[in-house]
Protein backbone atom coordinates (compact mmCIF):
# COMPACT_ATOMS: atom_id res chain seq x y z
CA MET A 1 6.36 11.69 -16.41
CA PRO A 2 6.88 8.41 -14.50
CA LYS A 3 10.38 7.28 -13.66
CA ARG A 4 11.71 4.51 -15.86
CA PHE A 5 11.89 1.27 -13.88
CA ARG A 6 15.36 -0.17 -14.20
CA LEU A 7 16.92 -2.68 -11.86
CA THR A 8 20.40 -1.18 -11.60
CA ARG A 9 21.70 -2.83 -8.44
CA ARG A 10 22.28 -6.50 -7.98
CA PHE A 11 23.49 -8.10 -4.79
CA ASN A 12 23.67 -11.50 -3.19
CA ALA A 13 21.21 -11.82 -0.35
CA ALA A 14 20.85 -14.65 2.11
CA MET A 15 17.28 -15.34 3.18
CA THR A 16 15.59 -17.89 5.35
CA GLU A 17 13.38 -20.41 3.59
CA ASP A 18 10.31 -18.89 5.25
CA GLY A 19 11.31 -15.39 4.14
CA TYR A 20 11.94 -16.51 0.57
CA ARG A 21 8.64 -18.38 0.36
CA ARG A 22 6.82 -15.28 1.61
CA LEU A 23 8.65 -13.08 -0.89
CA LYS A 24 7.74 -15.43 -3.76
CA SER A 25 4.13 -15.55 -2.60
CA PHE A 26 3.91 -11.76 -2.33
CA ALA A 27 5.53 -11.31 -5.75
CA ARG A 28 3.16 -13.81 -7.37
CA GLU A 29 0.08 -12.16 -5.79
CA ALA A 30 1.29 -8.72 -6.93
CA GLY A 31 2.19 -9.89 -10.45
CA LEU A 32 5.88 -9.05 -9.96
CA ASP A 33 9.12 -10.98 -10.01
CA GLU A 34 11.11 -11.23 -6.77
CA GLY A 35 13.43 -8.30 -7.61
CA GLU A 36 10.52 -6.03 -8.46
CA ALA A 37 8.73 -7.05 -5.26
CA LEU A 38 11.78 -6.22 -3.13
CA SER A 39 12.17 -2.87 -4.92
CA PHE A 40 8.51 -2.07 -4.27
CA LEU A 41 8.76 -2.99 -0.58
CA PHE A 42 11.88 -0.92 0.05
CA GLU A 43 10.84 2.07 -2.06
CA ASN A 44 7.56 2.19 -0.10
CA PHE A 45 8.88 0.89 3.21
CA ASN A 46 7.42 3.58 5.48
CA SER A 47 3.93 3.23 4.06
CA VAL A 48 3.79 -0.60 4.05
CA ILE A 49 4.94 -1.23 7.62
CA ASN A 50 3.38 -0.70 11.01
CA ASP A 51 6.02 0.90 13.26
CA GLU A 52 4.79 -0.77 16.44
CA ASN A 53 4.64 -4.22 14.86
CA LEU A 54 8.04 -3.77 13.21
CA THR A 55 9.77 -2.97 16.50
CA HIS A 56 8.15 -5.92 18.26
CA ARG A 57 8.81 -8.41 15.44
CA LEU A 58 12.42 -7.21 15.09
CA ARG A 59 13.03 -7.80 18.80
CA LEU A 60 11.61 -11.34 18.50
CA PHE A 61 13.66 -12.07 15.37
CA ASN A 62 16.88 -10.84 16.98
CA ALA A 63 16.21 -12.85 20.14
CA GLU A 64 15.87 -16.05 18.10
CA LEU A 65 18.60 -15.32 15.57
CA GLU A 66 21.51 -17.16 17.19
CA ASP A 67 19.42 -20.31 17.75
CA ARG A 68 18.18 -20.19 14.15
CA LYS A 69 21.75 -20.03 12.82
CA ARG A 70 22.60 -23.40 14.36
């Protein structure tokens, strides 16, 4: 029997404009709303990422983070 899909946690999240646009685009393509899309991505995180790319992209993001905050 499939688990019932309930959105039980709500939280404020700050996102960059680029990140939010990508989330909205992904959600629209998948036929989901933004909350459902985030739930899908995090519930399936290990199977939707590439470990090598994640490490590299995270390093780049962190290196640029302070400049992007200004």
